[in-house]
N, C-alpha and C. Protein backbone atom coordinates (compact mmCIF):
# COMPACT_ATOMS: atom_id res chain seq x y z
N UNK A 1 0.83 -1.19 0.00
CA UNK A 1 0.00 0.00 0.00
C UNK A 1 0.87 1.26 0.00
N UNK A 2 0.37 2.25 -0.67
CA UNK A 2 1.07 3.54 -0.76
C UNK A 2 0.42 4.49 0.23
N UNK A 3 1.27 5.14 1.02
CA UNK A 3 0.77 6.11 2.00
C UNK A 3 0.98 7.51 1.45
N UNK A 4 -0.04 8.31 1.57
CA UNK A 4 0.07 9.69 1.12
C UNK A 4 -0.01 10.60 2.33
N UNK A 5 0.84 11.61 2.31
CA UNK A 5 0.83 12.58 3.41
C UNK A 5 -0.35 13.51 3.22
N UNK A 6 -0.99 13.79 4.32
CA UNK A 6 -2.11 14.72 4.26
C UNK A 6 -1.59 16.14 4.34
N UNK A 7 -2.18 17.02 3.55
CA UNK A 7 -1.78 18.42 3.59
C UNK A 7 -2.38 19.08 4.82
N UNK A 8 -1.55 19.87 5.47
CA UNK A 8 -2.03 20.60 6.64
C UNK A 8 -2.34 22.03 6.23
N UNK A 9 -3.43 22.53 6.74
CA UNK A 9 -3.84 23.89 6.41
C UNK A 9 -2.97 24.93 7.12
N UNK A 10 -2.62 24.64 8.33
CA UNK A 10 -1.88 25.63 9.12
C UNK A 10 -0.39 25.26 9.16
N UNK A 11 0.29 25.57 8.08
CA UNK A 11 1.72 25.28 8.02
C UNK A 11 2.48 26.40 8.72
N UNK A 12 2.97 26.10 9.91
CA UNK A 12 3.73 27.09 10.66
C UNK A 12 5.20 26.73 10.62
N UNK A 13 6.01 27.74 10.41
CA UNK A 13 7.46 27.55 10.44
C UNK A 13 7.91 27.79 11.87
N UNK A 14 8.64 26.86 12.44
CA UNK A 14 9.11 27.05 13.82
C UNK A 14 9.94 28.34 13.94
N UNK A 15 9.86 28.96 15.11
CA UNK A 15 10.55 30.23 15.35
C UNK A 15 12.05 30.13 15.09
N UNK A 16 12.65 29.02 15.49
CA UNK A 16 14.10 28.88 15.31
C UNK A 16 14.48 28.91 13.84
N UNK A 17 13.70 28.24 13.01
CA UNK A 17 13.98 28.23 11.57
C UNK A 17 13.75 29.62 10.98
N UNK A 18 12.73 30.31 11.44
CA UNK A 18 12.48 31.68 10.97
C UNK A 18 13.67 32.58 11.28
N UNK A 19 14.21 32.48 12.50
CA UNK A 19 15.37 33.30 12.88
C UNK A 19 16.58 32.95 12.02
N UNK A 20 16.78 31.67 11.76
CA UNK A 20 17.91 31.26 10.93
C UNK A 20 17.78 31.80 9.51
N UNK A 21 16.57 31.78 8.98
CA UNK A 21 16.35 32.30 7.63
C UNK A 21 16.58 33.80 7.57
N UNK A 22 16.19 34.52 8.63
CA UNK A 22 16.40 35.97 8.67
C UNK A 22 17.88 36.30 8.68
N UNK A 23 18.67 35.52 9.39
CA UNK A 23 20.10 35.80 9.54
C UNK A 23 20.96 35.15 8.46
N UNK A 24 20.33 34.40 7.56
CA UNK A 24 21.08 33.68 6.54
C UNK A 24 21.87 34.63 5.65
N UNK A 25 21.30 35.76 5.32
CA UNK A 25 21.95 36.71 4.42
C UNK A 25 23.00 37.57 5.07
N UNK A 26 23.12 37.51 6.38
CA UNK A 26 24.09 38.35 7.08
C UNK A 26 25.46 37.68 7.02
N UNK A 27 26.43 38.39 6.48
CA UNK A 27 27.78 37.84 6.37
C UNK A 27 28.58 38.22 7.62
N UNK A 28 29.40 37.32 8.06
CA UNK A 28 30.26 37.59 9.20
C UNK A 28 31.49 38.34 8.69
N UNK A 29 31.73 39.50 9.27
CA UNK A 29 32.86 40.33 8.87
C UNK A 29 34.07 40.04 9.76
N UNK A 30 35.25 40.08 9.18
CA UNK A 30 36.44 39.84 10.00
C UNK A 30 36.68 41.00 10.96
N UNK A 31 37.32 40.68 12.06
CA UNK A 31 37.65 41.70 13.06
C UNK A 31 38.73 42.61 12.48
N UNK A 32 38.50 43.92 12.53
CA UNK A 32 39.49 44.86 12.00
C UNK A 32 40.24 45.49 13.15
N UNK A 33 41.53 45.19 13.21
CA UNK A 33 42.40 45.76 14.24
C UNK A 33 43.27 46.82 13.57
N UNK A 34 43.45 47.96 14.22
CA UNK A 34 44.34 48.96 13.62
C UNK A 34 45.76 48.42 13.53
N UNK A 35 46.42 48.73 12.42
CA UNK A 35 47.77 48.22 12.19
C UNK A 35 48.79 49.35 12.20
N UNK A 36 50.00 48.98 12.53
CA UNK A 36 51.12 49.92 12.54
C UNK A 36 52.17 49.38 11.58
N UNK A 37 52.68 50.25 10.71
CA UNK A 37 53.69 49.84 9.74
C UNK A 37 55.06 50.00 10.39
N UNK A 38 55.85 48.93 10.32
CA UNK A 38 57.23 48.99 10.84
C UNK A 38 58.18 48.67 9.69
N UNK A 39 59.35 49.28 9.71
CA UNK A 39 60.36 49.05 8.69
C UNK A 39 61.39 48.07 9.24
N UNK A 40 61.53 46.93 8.60
CA UNK A 40 62.49 45.91 9.04
C UNK A 40 63.81 46.03 8.30
N UNK A 41 63.87 46.95 7.35
CA UNK A 41 65.10 47.16 6.58
C UNK A 41 65.75 48.48 6.95
N UNK A 42 66.43 49.07 5.96
CA UNK A 42 67.08 50.36 6.17
C UNK A 42 66.23 51.44 5.50
N UNK A 43 66.69 52.69 5.62
CA UNK A 43 65.97 53.79 4.96
C UNK A 43 66.03 53.63 3.45
N UNK A 44 67.17 53.15 2.93
CA UNK A 44 67.32 52.96 1.48
C UNK A 44 66.56 51.73 1.00
N UNK A 45 66.64 50.66 1.75
CA UNK A 45 66.02 49.38 1.37
C UNK A 45 64.90 49.05 2.36
N UNK A 46 63.78 49.72 2.19
CA UNK A 46 62.66 49.54 3.13
C UNK A 46 62.03 48.16 2.96
N UNK A 47 61.75 47.57 4.09
CA UNK A 47 61.05 46.28 4.13
C UNK A 47 59.96 46.43 5.18
N UNK A 48 58.80 46.84 4.71
CA UNK A 48 57.71 47.17 5.63
C UNK A 48 56.86 45.96 5.97
N UNK A 49 56.49 45.91 7.22
CA UNK A 49 55.58 44.88 7.72
C UNK A 49 54.54 45.59 8.59
N UNK A 50 53.44 44.94 8.81
CA UNK A 50 52.38 45.53 9.63
C UNK A 50 52.16 44.65 10.86
N UNK A 51 52.07 45.33 12.00
CA UNK A 51 51.79 44.63 13.25
C UNK A 51 50.62 45.34 13.93
N UNK A 52 50.01 44.68 14.87
CA UNK A 52 48.86 45.25 15.58
C UNK A 52 49.25 46.50 16.36
N UNK A 53 48.52 47.58 16.14
CA UNK A 53 48.81 48.85 16.82
C UNK A 53 48.41 48.79 18.29
N UNK A 54 47.56 47.86 18.66
CA UNK A 54 47.08 47.78 20.04
C UNK A 54 47.95 46.89 20.93
N UNK A 55 49.02 46.33 20.36
CA UNK A 55 49.90 45.48 21.15
C UNK A 55 50.61 46.29 22.22
N UNK A 56 50.93 45.63 23.31
CA UNK A 56 51.69 46.25 24.39
C UNK A 56 53.06 46.69 23.85
N UNK A 57 53.59 47.77 24.36
CA UNK A 57 54.87 48.32 23.89
C UNK A 57 55.99 47.29 23.93
N UNK A 58 56.07 46.52 25.00
CA UNK A 58 57.11 45.51 25.12
C UNK A 58 56.92 44.40 24.08
N UNK A 59 55.68 44.02 23.85
CA UNK A 59 55.39 42.98 22.85
C UNK A 59 55.76 43.49 21.46
N UNK A 60 55.44 44.75 21.15
CA UNK A 60 55.81 45.33 19.86
C UNK A 60 57.32 45.31 19.67
N UNK A 61 58.04 45.71 20.71
CA UNK A 61 59.50 45.76 20.63
C UNK A 61 60.08 44.37 20.38
N UNK A 62 59.62 43.37 21.15
CA UNK A 62 60.13 42.01 21.00
C UNK A 62 59.74 41.41 19.65
N UNK A 63 58.53 41.69 19.19
CA UNK A 63 58.08 41.19 17.89
C UNK A 63 58.91 41.81 16.77
N UNK A 64 59.16 43.10 16.86
CA UNK A 64 59.98 43.79 15.86
C UNK A 64 61.39 43.21 15.83
N UNK A 65 61.97 42.96 17.00
CA UNK A 65 63.30 42.36 17.07
C UNK A 65 63.31 40.97 16.43
N UNK A 66 62.28 40.18 16.70
CA UNK A 66 62.18 38.84 16.13
C UNK A 66 62.06 38.90 14.61
N UNK A 67 61.21 39.80 14.11
CA UNK A 67 61.03 39.93 12.67
C UNK A 67 62.32 40.40 12.00
N UNK A 68 63.05 41.31 12.63
CA UNK A 68 64.33 41.77 12.08
C UNK A 68 65.36 40.64 12.06
N UNK A 69 65.32 39.79 13.08
CA UNK A 69 66.25 38.67 13.15
C UNK A 69 66.04 37.70 11.99
N UNK A 70 64.78 37.53 11.59
CA UNK A 70 64.45 36.58 10.52
C UNK A 70 64.04 37.30 9.23
N UNK A 71 64.51 38.52 9.02
CA UNK A 71 64.10 39.32 7.86
C UNK A 71 64.45 38.64 6.54
N UNK A 72 65.52 37.84 6.51
CA UNK A 72 65.94 37.18 5.27
C UNK A 72 65.05 36.01 4.88
N UNK A 73 64.13 35.61 5.74
CA UNK A 73 63.24 34.48 5.47
C UNK A 73 62.05 34.90 4.62
N UNK A 74 61.64 36.16 4.71
CA UNK A 74 60.44 36.64 4.03
C UNK A 74 60.71 36.98 2.57
N UNK A 75 59.68 36.82 1.74
CA UNK A 75 59.75 37.23 0.34
C UNK A 75 59.29 38.68 0.26
N UNK A 76 60.18 39.57 -0.17
CA UNK A 76 59.85 40.99 -0.24
C UNK A 76 59.48 41.42 -1.65
N UNK A 77 59.75 40.57 -2.62
CA UNK A 77 59.38 40.87 -4.01
C UNK A 77 59.12 39.53 -4.71
N UNK A 78 58.62 39.62 -5.93
CA UNK A 78 58.36 38.39 -6.69
C UNK A 78 59.66 37.63 -6.97
N UNK A 79 60.76 38.35 -7.11
CA UNK A 79 62.04 37.71 -7.37
C UNK A 79 62.52 36.89 -6.18
N UNK A 80 62.05 37.23 -4.98
CA UNK A 80 62.44 36.49 -3.78
C UNK A 80 61.70 35.17 -3.63
N UNK A 81 60.66 34.99 -4.42
CA UNK A 81 59.84 33.77 -4.29
C UNK A 81 60.44 32.64 -5.12
N UNK A 82 60.37 31.42 -4.62
CA UNK A 82 60.93 30.28 -5.37
C UNK A 82 60.12 29.96 -6.60
């Protein structure tokens, strides 16, 4: 035997599904943190990088020192890429 579903007159969409449908079109935006440009090279040969402007002063200093220590690891131009 074949069973047929009966049509219901009062088709209600559950509240949770309604909320999900309302928010479906909303895109999640990335968090935007202000950035600070630092030069890891010299005045003649600038090698700029960006770090978080909201970092603690000591963290900025140590991060800058670390980046300068490994400055030769980064690709600064297309010619630097393998």
